[in-house]
Protein backbone atom coordinates (compact mmCIF):
# COMPACT_ATOMS: atom_id res chain seq x y z
CA MET A 1 30.24 8.11 21.72
CA ALA A 2 32.38 9.85 19.10
CA ALA A 3 30.82 7.74 16.39
CA LYS A 4 27.35 8.72 17.56
CA GLU A 5 28.27 12.42 17.41
CA GLU A 6 29.55 11.97 13.87
CA VAL A 7 26.24 10.41 12.87
CA GLU A 8 24.36 13.39 14.22
CA VAL A 9 26.48 15.75 12.13
CA VAL A 10 25.50 13.86 9.03
CA ARG A 11 21.82 14.11 9.86
CA THR A 12 21.61 17.90 9.81
CA THR A 13 23.97 20.80 9.31
CA ALA A 14 21.98 23.11 11.56
CA PRO A 15 20.50 21.28 14.54
CA PRO A 16 17.97 23.16 16.62
CA ALA A 17 18.81 24.39 20.06
CA GLU A 18 18.28 21.83 22.77
CA GLY A 19 14.71 21.73 24.02
CA VAL A 20 13.43 24.11 21.31
CA SER A 21 11.28 22.80 18.47
CA THR A 22 11.76 24.39 15.06
CA ARG A 23 8.56 22.83 13.79
CA VAL A 24 5.73 25.19 12.83
CA LYS A 25 2.34 24.10 14.13
CA PRO A 26 -0.36 24.38 11.45
CA TYR A 27 -3.99 25.40 12.01
CA CYS A 28 -4.97 21.72 12.26
CA PRO A 29 -3.29 18.33 11.70
CA VAL A 30 -4.79 18.17 8.19
CA THR A 31 -2.85 20.61 6.02
CA ILE A 32 -1.94 20.02 2.38
CA GLU A 33 -3.63 16.63 2.06
CA PRO A 34 -6.98 17.97 0.70
CA ILE A 35 -5.33 20.11 -1.95
CA VAL A 36 -3.02 17.23 -2.91
CA PHE A 37 -6.03 14.93 -3.19
CA PHE A 38 -8.11 17.18 -5.42
CA LEU A 39 -5.22 18.34 -7.60
CA VAL A 40 -4.08 14.78 -8.23
CA LEU A 41 -7.69 13.70 -8.74
CA SER A 42 -8.02 16.35 -11.43
CA MET A 43 -4.76 15.47 -13.12
CA VAL A 44 -5.15 11.70 -13.22
CA MET A 45 -8.77 11.96 -14.30
CA VAL A 46 -7.97 13.93 -17.44
CA MET A 47 -4.44 12.77 -18.34
CA PRO A 48 -5.50 9.27 -19.48
CA LEU A 49 -8.48 10.88 -21.18
CA GLN A 50 -6.11 13.26 -22.93
CA HIS A 51 -4.01 10.32 -24.12
CA GLN A 52 -7.13 8.54 -25.37
CA TYR A 53 -8.50 11.74 -26.92
CA ILE A 54 -5.30 12.18 -28.93
CA TYR A 55 -5.48 8.53 -30.00
CA TYR A 56 -9.17 9.09 -30.81
CA LYS A 57 -8.48 12.09 -33.06
CA LEU A 58 -5.49 10.49 -34.77
CA GLY A 59 -7.45 7.26 -35.29
CA ASN A 60 -10.23 8.94 -37.30
CA ASP A 61 -12.53 9.44 -34.30
CA THR A 62 -12.39 5.81 -33.17
CA LEU A 63 -11.37 4.34 -29.84
CA PRO A 64 -9.50 1.03 -29.39
CA SER A 65 -11.63 -2.11 -29.13
CA SER A 66 -10.94 -5.79 -28.83
CA SER A 67 -12.33 -6.38 -32.33
CA ARG A 68 -9.58 -4.24 -33.77
CA CYS A 69 -7.01 -6.57 -32.22
CA ASP A 70 -8.44 -9.58 -34.04
CA VAL A 71 -7.17 -8.48 -37.45
CA ASN A 72 -4.05 -10.03 -38.93
CA THR A 73 -0.79 -8.24 -38.20
CA SER A 74 -0.27 -7.62 -41.91
CA HIS A 75 -3.79 -6.24 -42.34
CA PRO A 76 -3.97 -2.49 -43.18
CA ALA A 77 -6.17 -1.91 -40.12
CA ASN A 78 -3.44 -3.24 -37.83
CA LYS A 79 -0.88 -0.99 -39.50
CA ALA A 80 -3.23 1.94 -38.99
CA ASN A 81 -3.48 1.08 -35.29
CA GLN A 82 0.30 1.00 -34.96
CA LYS A 83 0.61 4.32 -36.79
CA ALA A 84 -1.93 5.97 -34.48
CA ALA A 85 -0.11 4.58 -31.43
CA ALA A 86 3.27 5.86 -32.66
CA GLU A 87 1.85 9.32 -33.45
CA SER A 88 0.14 9.44 -30.06
CA ALA A 89 3.46 8.71 -28.36
CA ASN A 90 5.03 11.59 -30.29
CA TRP A 91 2.27 13.97 -29.21
CA LEU A 92 2.82 12.94 -25.59
CA THR A 93 6.47 13.89 -26.07
CA TYR A 94 5.56 17.32 -27.40
CA ILE A 95 3.16 17.95 -24.52
CA ARG A 96 5.72 16.83 -21.95
CA LEU A 97 8.36 19.15 -23.37
CA SER A 98 5.89 22.05 -23.52
CA ILE A 99 5.37 21.90 -19.77
CA SER A 100 8.86 20.81 -18.68
CA LEU A 101 11.04 23.29 -20.58
CA PRO A 102 9.48 26.55 -19.31
CA SER A 103 9.20 25.21 -15.76
CA LEU A 104 12.94 24.51 -15.54
CA LEU A 105 13.72 28.07 -14.49
CA MET A 106 10.44 28.75 -12.73
CA VAL A 107 10.84 25.87 -10.31
CA LEU A 108 14.17 27.29 -9.13
CA VAL A 109 12.78 30.81 -8.79
CA LEU A 110 9.64 29.75 -6.91
CA GLY A 111 11.53 27.35 -4.64
CA SER A 112 14.05 29.96 -3.58
CA LEU A 113 11.33 32.60 -3.23
CA SER A 114 9.49 30.34 -0.81
CA ASP A 115 12.37 30.63 1.68
CA ARG A 116 11.98 34.41 1.71
CA LEU A 117 8.46 35.38 0.62
CA GLY A 118 6.53 32.47 2.12
CA ARG A 119 6.09 28.77 1.52
CA LYS A 120 2.64 29.17 -0.02
CA VAL A 121 4.14 30.81 -3.10
CA THR A 122 5.23 27.42 -4.48
CA ILE A 123 1.75 26.03 -3.87
CA ILE A 124 -0.54 28.83 -5.05
CA VAL A 125 1.25 29.78 -8.29
CA PRO A 126 1.36 26.19 -9.68
CA VAL A 127 -2.29 25.71 -8.72
CA ILE A 128 -3.19 28.79 -10.77
CA GLY A 129 -1.19 27.37 -13.69
CA THR A 130 -2.93 24.02 -13.43
CA LEU A 131 -6.32 25.75 -13.35
CA ILE A 132 -5.46 27.56 -16.59
CA TRP A 133 -4.23 24.26 -18.09
CA THR A 134 -7.48 22.44 -17.29
CA LEU A 135 -9.61 25.33 -18.58
CA LEU A 136 -7.77 25.57 -21.91
CA SER A 137 -7.76 21.79 -22.33
CA ALA A 138 -11.50 21.68 -21.64
CA LEU A 139 -12.03 24.23 -24.40
CA VAL A 140 -9.94 22.10 -26.80
CA VAL A 141 -12.16 19.08 -26.21
CA TYR A 142 -15.45 21.00 -26.04
CA LEU A 143 -14.88 23.15 -29.14
CA ASP A 144 -12.92 20.49 -31.07
CA LEU A 145 -9.92 22.77 -31.39
CA PRO A 146 -6.62 21.59 -32.94
CA LEU A 147 -4.43 19.31 -30.82
CA ALA A 148 -1.75 22.02 -30.88
CA MET A 149 -3.82 23.92 -28.30
CA PHE A 150 -2.79 21.26 -25.77
CA LEU A 151 0.77 22.50 -26.27
CA ILE A 152 -0.23 26.09 -25.48
CA ALA A 153 -2.07 24.99 -22.34
CA SER A 154 0.93 22.95 -21.20
CA PHE A 155 3.31 25.85 -21.88
CA VAL A 156 1.24 28.22 -19.73
CA CYS A 157 1.16 25.63 -16.93
CA GLY A 158 4.93 25.25 -17.19
CA MET A 159 5.46 29.01 -16.97
CA MET A 160 3.60 28.92 -13.64
CA GLY A 161 5.93 26.24 -12.29
CA GLY A 162 4.02 23.11 -13.25
CA GLN A 163 3.27 20.16 -11.03
CA VAL A 164 6.91 19.75 -9.99
CA SER A 165 6.86 23.19 -8.32
CA PHE A 166 3.68 22.19 -6.50
CA ILE A 167 5.35 18.99 -5.32
CA SER A 168 8.45 20.87 -4.12
CA GLY A 169 6.23 23.31 -2.24
CA CYS A 170 4.38 20.47 -0.54
CA LEU A 171 7.64 18.76 0.41
CA ALA A 172 9.02 21.95 1.94
CA TYR A 173 5.72 22.62 3.72
CA ILE A 174 5.81 19.17 5.31
CA ALA A 175 9.43 19.72 6.32
CA ASP A 176 8.32 22.89 8.12
CA ILE A 177 5.55 21.20 10.13
CA THR A 178 7.43 18.03 11.09
CA GLY A 179 10.27 17.51 13.51
CA GLU A 180 13.88 16.86 12.63
CA GLY A 181 14.20 13.50 14.37
CA GLY A 182 12.55 10.14 13.84
CA LYS A 183 10.73 8.95 10.75
CA SER A 184 7.72 11.21 11.24
CA ARG A 185 8.72 13.22 8.18
CA GLU A 186 8.82 10.09 6.05
CA VAL A 187 5.44 9.03 7.40
CA ARG A 188 3.91 12.46 6.76
CA LEU A 189 5.29 12.45 3.21
CA ALA A 190 3.91 8.95 2.73
CA ILE A 191 0.50 10.07 4.03
CA ALA A 192 0.47 12.88 1.48
CA GLY A 193 1.48 10.30 -1.10
CA SER A 194 -1.36 8.03 -0.02
CA ALA A 195 -3.80 10.92 -0.46
CA ALA A 196 -2.44 11.19 -3.98
CA GLY A 197 -2.81 7.43 -4.39
CA VAL A 198 -6.46 7.41 -3.33
CA ALA A 199 -7.06 10.31 -5.70
CA MET A 200 -5.41 8.34 -8.49
CA MET A 201 -7.65 5.36 -7.85
CA ALA A 202 -10.77 7.51 -7.84
CA GLY A 203 -9.73 9.71 -10.76
CA VAL A 204 -8.83 7.06 -13.31
CA LEU A 205 -11.85 4.91 -12.45
CA VAL A 206 -14.26 7.83 -12.67
CA GLY A 207 -12.68 9.02 -15.91
CA GLY A 208 -12.72 5.56 -17.47
CA PHE A 209 -16.33 4.76 -16.54
CA TRP A 210 -17.41 8.25 -17.53
CA LEU A 211 -15.94 7.81 -21.01
CA LYS A 212 -17.42 4.34 -21.42
CA ALA A 213 -20.87 5.43 -20.23
CA LEU A 214 -21.20 8.54 -22.38
CA GLY A 215 -18.73 7.80 -25.15
CA PRO A 216 -17.07 10.53 -27.19
CA PRO A 217 -17.34 13.46 -27.21
CA LEU A 218 -19.33 13.93 -23.94
CA GLY A 219 -17.16 11.32 -22.20
CA PHE A 220 -14.19 13.58 -22.84
CA GLN A 221 -15.86 16.95 -22.24
CA GLU A 222 -17.66 16.55 -18.92
CA PRO A 223 -14.67 15.25 -16.87
CA TYR A 224 -12.63 18.25 -18.02
CA TRP A 225 -15.24 20.70 -16.75
CA LEU A 226 -15.32 18.87 -13.42
CA THR A 227 -11.56 19.33 -13.07
CA VAL A 228 -11.94 23.06 -13.67
CA GLY A 229 -14.25 23.22 -10.65
CA LEU A 230 -11.92 21.10 -8.53
CA MET A 231 -8.92 23.28 -9.35
CA THR A 232 -10.92 26.37 -8.41
CA PHE A 233 -11.54 24.78 -5.00
CA CYS A 234 -7.82 23.98 -4.66
CA LEU A 235 -6.93 27.61 -5.31
CA LEU A 236 -9.38 28.86 -2.68
CA TYR A 237 -8.15 26.27 -0.19
CA ALA A 238 -4.51 27.25 -0.72
CA LEU A 239 -5.31 30.94 -0.32
CA PHE A 240 -7.44 30.79 2.82
CA ALA A 241 -7.05 27.41 4.58
CA LEU A 242 -3.26 26.92 4.61
CA LYS A 243 -1.18 28.57 7.31
CA GLU A 244 2.00 30.26 6.14
CA THR A 245 5.00 28.44 7.62
CA ARG A 246 7.71 30.79 6.35
CA PRO A 247 6.64 34.43 6.89
CA LYS A 248 8.12 36.97 4.51
CA ARG A 249 11.56 38.17 5.50
CA PRO A 250 11.90 41.95 5.85
CA GLY A 251 13.46 43.52 2.79
CA SER A 252 12.91 40.49 0.55
CA LYS A 253 12.40 41.27 -3.13
CA ILE A 254 10.12 39.43 -5.52
CA CYS A 255 12.77 39.31 -8.27
CA SER A 256 16.42 38.90 -7.41
CA LEU A 257 19.28 36.98 -8.99
CA SER A 258 20.48 36.12 -5.49
CA TYR A 259 17.60 33.65 -5.16
CA ILE A 260 19.05 31.51 -7.96
CA MET A 261 22.57 31.90 -6.59
CA ASN A 262 21.30 30.74 -3.20
CA ILE A 263 20.36 27.40 -4.72
CA VAL A 264 23.75 27.13 -6.42
CA SER A 265 25.55 27.88 -3.15
CA LEU A 266 23.43 25.30 -1.33
CA VAL A 267 25.82 22.58 -2.40
CA LYS A 268 28.77 24.53 -1.00
CA ARG A 269 27.07 24.90 2.37
CA ILE A 270 26.86 21.13 2.73
CA PRO A 271 29.97 19.78 4.51
CA LYS A 272 32.36 17.94 2.18
CA PRO A 273 31.92 14.50 3.83
CA GLN A 274 28.20 14.73 3.07
CA ARG A 275 28.32 16.01 -0.49
CA TRP A 276 28.80 12.64 -2.16
CA ILE A 277 25.96 11.24 -0.06
CA MET A 278 23.65 14.09 -1.05
CA GLY A 279 24.69 13.72 -4.69
CA THR A 280 24.00 10.00 -4.66
CA LEU A 281 20.61 10.45 -3.00
CA MET A 282 19.65 13.10 -5.56
CA LEU A 283 20.71 10.85 -8.42
CA VAL A 284 18.63 7.96 -7.06
CA TYR A 285 15.60 10.21 -6.55
CA PHE A 286 16.09 11.63 -10.04
CA LEU A 287 16.07 8.18 -11.62
CA VAL A 288 13.21 6.77 -9.55
CA HIS A 289 10.88 9.73 -9.81
CA SER A 290 11.58 10.28 -13.51
CA VAL A 291 10.68 6.68 -14.32
CA GLN A 292 7.51 6.81 -12.20
CA GLU A 293 6.31 10.00 -13.88
CA SER A 294 7.26 9.08 -17.45
CA VAL A 295 6.22 5.45 -17.68
CA SER A 296 2.49 6.06 -17.18
CA GLY A 297 1.95 7.74 -20.54
CA VAL A 298 3.75 5.14 -22.62
CA ARG A 299 2.08 2.35 -20.60
CA THR A 300 -1.32 3.78 -21.55
CA ILE A 301 -0.33 3.74 -25.23
CA ILE A 302 0.88 0.13 -24.88
CA LEU A 303 -2.44 -0.96 -23.41
CA LEU A 304 -4.45 0.92 -26.04
CA SER A 305 -2.56 -0.85 -28.83
CA PRO A 306 -2.57 -4.49 -30.03
CA PRO A 307 -2.47 -7.10 -28.59
CA TYR A 308 -4.15 -5.50 -25.55
CA CYS A 309 -6.57 -2.93 -27.05
CA TRP A 310 -8.02 -2.23 -23.61
CA ASN A 311 -11.15 -0.14 -23.20
CA PRO A 312 -11.31 3.02 -21.00
CA VAL A 313 -12.59 1.07 -17.99
CA LEU A 314 -9.61 -1.28 -17.98
CA ILE A 315 -7.27 1.68 -18.42
CA GLY A 316 -8.94 3.22 -15.39
CA VAL A 317 -8.49 0.03 -13.38
CA VAL A 318 -4.77 0.11 -14.20
CA GLY A 319 -4.55 3.64 -12.82
CA ALA A 320 -6.42 2.56 -9.71
CA VAL A 321 -4.01 -0.32 -9.12
CA VAL A 322 -1.09 2.06 -9.54
CA GLY A 323 -2.73 4.36 -6.99
CA VAL A 324 -2.86 1.53 -4.47
CA ALA A 325 0.94 1.63 -4.43
CA TYR A 326 0.84 5.03 -2.71
CA VAL A 327 -1.41 3.72 0.04
CA MET A 328 0.65 0.56 0.42
CA SER A 329 3.78 2.68 0.78
CA VAL A 330 2.39 4.21 3.98
CA LEU A 331 1.75 0.76 5.42
CA GLY A 332 5.14 -0.42 4.21
CA ILE A 333 6.97 2.43 5.90
CA LYS A 334 5.03 2.09 9.15
CA VAL A 335 5.40 -1.71 9.34
CA LEU A 336 8.79 -2.37 7.78
CA GLY A 337 10.21 0.83 9.28
CA ARG A 338 10.32 -0.87 12.67
CA TRP A 339 13.08 -3.18 11.46
CA LEU A 340 14.60 -1.57 8.36
CA SER A 341 16.62 1.60 7.94
CA SER A 342 15.62 4.27 5.44
CA TYR A 343 18.03 2.78 2.92
CA GLY A 344 16.51 -0.65 3.50
CA LEU A 345 13.03 0.73 2.77
CA VAL A 346 14.30 2.24 -0.48
CA GLN A 347 15.71 -1.16 -1.46
CA VAL A 348 12.33 -2.79 -0.86
CA GLY A 349 10.70 -0.23 -3.13
CA CYS A 350 13.28 -0.84 -5.88
CA VAL A 351 12.78 -4.61 -5.73
CA SER A 352 9.01 -4.14 -5.93
CA ALA A 353 9.36 -1.91 -9.00
CA ILE A 354 11.84 -4.18 -10.79
CA SER A 355 9.78 -7.34 -10.37
CA GLY A 356 6.56 -5.65 -11.51
CA LEU A 357 8.05 -3.93 -14.57
CA VAL A 358 9.79 -7.08 -15.76
CA LEU A 359 6.55 -9.08 -15.62
CA GLN A 360 4.60 -6.28 -17.35
CA SER A 361 7.15 -6.17 -20.18
CA LEU A 362 6.90 -9.94 -20.73
CA ALA A 363 3.13 -10.25 -20.20
CA VAL A 364 2.49 -9.99 -23.95
CA TYR A 365 4.19 -13.36 -24.44
CA THR A 366 2.00 -15.20 -21.91
CA SER A 367 -1.17 -17.10 -22.74
CA ASN A 368 -3.26 -14.66 -20.67
CA HIS A 369 -1.46 -11.37 -21.04
CA THR A 370 -4.20 -9.39 -19.25
CA THR A 371 -3.88 -11.41 -16.05
CA ALA A 372 -0.09 -11.38 -16.25
CA PHE A 373 -0.05 -7.60 -16.67
CA PHE A 374 -2.26 -7.08 -13.62
CA ILE A 375 -0.05 -9.40 -11.56
CA GLY A 376 2.89 -7.23 -12.59
CA LEU A 377 1.03 -4.15 -11.43
CA GLY A 378 0.36 -5.87 -8.11
CA LEU A 379 4.07 -6.53 -7.65
CA ASN A 380 4.59 -2.77 -7.95
CA CYS A 381 2.62 -2.19 -4.75
CA LEU A 382 5.62 -0.75 -2.84
CA GLN A 383 7.35 1.05 -5.71
CA THR A 384 6.59 4.56 -4.41
CA MET A 385 8.37 4.08 -1.08
CA PRO A 386 11.66 5.59 -2.35
CA THR A 387 9.97 8.84 -3.38
CA SER A 388 8.68 9.27 0.19
CA ILE A 389 11.88 8.24 1.96
CA LEU A 390 14.57 10.00 -0.09
CA PRO A 391 13.25 13.60 0.23
CA ALA A 392 12.95 13.19 3.99
CA VAL A 393 16.53 11.91 4.28
CA MET A 394 17.86 14.76 2.14
CA SER A 395 15.90 17.40 4.06
CA ARG A 396 17.72 16.43 7.27
CA MET A 397 21.07 17.19 5.65
CA VAL A 398 20.35 20.92 5.24
CA SER A 399 19.17 23.65 7.57
CA ARG A 400 15.54 24.65 7.87
CA GLU A 401 16.30 27.92 6.07
CA ASP A 402 17.37 25.93 3.00
CA GLN A 403 14.42 23.56 2.74
CA GLY A 404 12.77 25.51 -0.08
CA SER A 405 16.02 25.75 -2.03
CA LEU A 406 16.69 22.02 -1.57
CA PHE A 407 13.30 20.92 -2.84
CA ALA A 408 13.48 23.47 -5.67
CA LEU A 409 16.70 21.78 -6.74
CA VAL A 410 15.01 18.39 -6.47
CA ALA A 411 12.09 19.66 -8.55
CA PHE A 412 14.55 21.03 -11.11
CA LEU A 413 15.99 17.54 -11.45
CA ASP A 414 12.44 16.20 -11.82
CA ASN A 415 11.95 18.56 -14.74
CA ILE A 416 15.20 17.43 -16.32
CA GLY A 417 13.96 13.87 -15.92
CA GLY A 418 10.68 14.75 -17.61
CA ILE A 419 12.52 16.36 -20.52
CA LEU A 420 14.88 13.42 -20.96
CA TYR A 421 12.87 10.38 -19.92
CA GLY A 422 9.49 11.17 -21.43
CA PRO A 423 10.74 11.71 -24.99
CA PHE A 424 13.27 8.89 -24.65
CA LEU A 425 10.69 6.33 -23.52
CA ASN A 426 8.17 7.42 -26.14
CA PHE A 427 10.83 7.31 -28.87
CA LEU A 428 12.04 3.90 -27.67
CA TYR A 429 8.49 2.55 -27.71
CA ALA A 430 7.80 3.88 -31.22
CA ALA A 431 11.12 2.46 -32.48
CA THR A 432 10.68 -1.01 -30.92
CA LEU A 433 6.91 -1.35 -31.33
CA SER A 434 7.17 -3.95 -34.09
CA VAL A 435 9.97 -5.86 -32.33
CA MET A 436 9.11 -5.90 -28.61
CA PRO A 437 6.42 -3.53 -27.29
CA GLY A 438 7.44 -4.15 -23.68
CA LEU A 439 11.13 -3.35 -24.15
CA VAL A 440 10.57 0.15 -22.81
CA LEU A 441 9.35 -1.32 -19.50
CA LEU A 442 12.46 -3.51 -19.27
CA VAL A 443 14.59 -0.37 -19.63
CA CYS A 444 12.67 1.21 -16.74
CA ALA A 445 13.35 -1.88 -14.62
CA GLY A 446 17.03 -1.47 -15.43
CA MET A 447 16.92 2.09 -14.08
CA TYR A 448 15.56 0.81 -10.78
CA LEU A 449 18.34 -1.77 -10.69
CA ILE A 450 20.90 1.03 -10.99
CA CYS A 451 19.19 2.82 -8.09
CA SER A 452 19.34 -0.32 -5.98
CA ILE A 453 23.07 -0.63 -6.64
CA LEU A 454 23.67 3.01 -5.67
CA ILE A 455 21.75 2.60 -2.42
CA SER A 456 23.82 -0.53 -1.70
CA VAL A 457 26.94 1.61 -2.00
CA LEU A 458 25.53 4.03 0.57
CA GLN A 459 24.64 1.15 2.86
CA CYS A 460 28.18 -0.17 2.70
CA TYR A 461 30.23 3.04 2.76
CA GLY A 462 27.89 5.81 3.89
CA PRO A 463 27.22 6.60 7.58
CA SER A 464 24.22 4.92 9.15
CA ILE A 465 21.51 6.96 10.83
CA ASP A 466 19.72 5.92 13.98
CA TYR A 467 16.03 6.83 14.16
CA GLU A 468 13.48 6.71 16.90
CA SER A 469 10.49 4.48 16.36
CA ILE A 470 7.73 5.71 14.08
CA PRO A 471 4.92 5.82 16.69
CA GLU A 472 7.09 7.91 19.04
CA ALA A 473 7.95 10.30 16.23
CA ILE A 474 4.30 10.75 15.23
CA ASN A 475 3.16 11.34 18.80
CA ARG A 476 5.91 13.90 19.29
CA ASP A 477 4.95 15.80 16.14
CA LEU A 478 1.26 15.87 17.05
CA GLY A 479 2.03 17.14 20.52
CA PRO A 480 2.34 20.77 21.60
CA THR A 481 5.12 22.74 19.99
CA GLU A 482 6.40 26.28 19.84
CA THR A 483 5.34 28.16 16.72
CA LYS A 484 7.91 30.35 15.10
């Protein structure tokens, strides 16, 4: 009995009063999923197009084709292809830094503000920034402006919090509308992730076919204008269709240094026996999420370059297969969650990622590298499970009043990962392009291996957590509840 009580202390530092639900009931069961779907649809539709547009401009207004892969490796045309690929990777680094650096501070400010001024702050402000980003990027493509304008658009988006602030706001919002017990929070996070996955599948396919059907420049221009319309819808949805789950506290100020200090003191408010667990979980999430976010850009450059030289449609199919992983994660959590703990589910995700990345890195040496690469993508089908499980586990270790601060800290680490991983992977690819193009993917697999080892340490030495079954948790969360 004593052991059971100790486990409960680890789960949350501020348990709700007995018989009283701290969950906020939204207007309807569907909450942030539509805005997540359309925002991700907009982002994944234009991001590969942006990568290909940069390659297109640096390659003298030409797109990759299989005929360009047939030239000898010593031929000047092949060297020109490699130069365009290396320069494209550098531009991706500049763009990533332009959005990550300014959002470092903003993500902390917005996350802490959401605990006092309302949870919708961390959703609406990043959506406005993303709308500005899509509008400026559309003007770059439509008016054939210099590539440096992409940097300005990314900087403005970063000053509004960027996508990481939006993600932290969604995570905190889900924490507000789900119960403390069971795996319902993990399932709800995975459902939001699956909405993102379906959007990824639709976005990259539509963008790829659009570019192939119209060709440049219309194939670049029209998808950008569509995303401007979609982001306008997202802004209206966030303003009028989302219920506020954290009403403004009386006397709260918009600007206050105490908001930043509240995040710093969050670590101190966690009991000492839990701090190393929280630190380890944050480190694992930092590594996993950073790799997932950073590898997509360099993978696109790899597939655009020899020996692949894939066309926009194939690039879109790759994005669609990656999107399937988000949907498969929901099924994985619901099915495997009946027998595995949260740590066990994270391990499954790490194994899925490692096996897929290793095969993708070595696919270039196979007789049919296209088939081998797609098999590697298929092995990645459960790789996003850790990013759904880990935030839910961490959210149970802090009080409900600290959810915004916790996820702001997590988003801050995401930004650090974007600043470090994106440039590092792009630099590594450019430096090893002539030696082993897939080496960068092997390094990513190594990062997942480190995460698996860290989770094994928690499984061996950290306290275990008992959960109710997933169906019971979902039914409880969909049932009647008291609204605060």
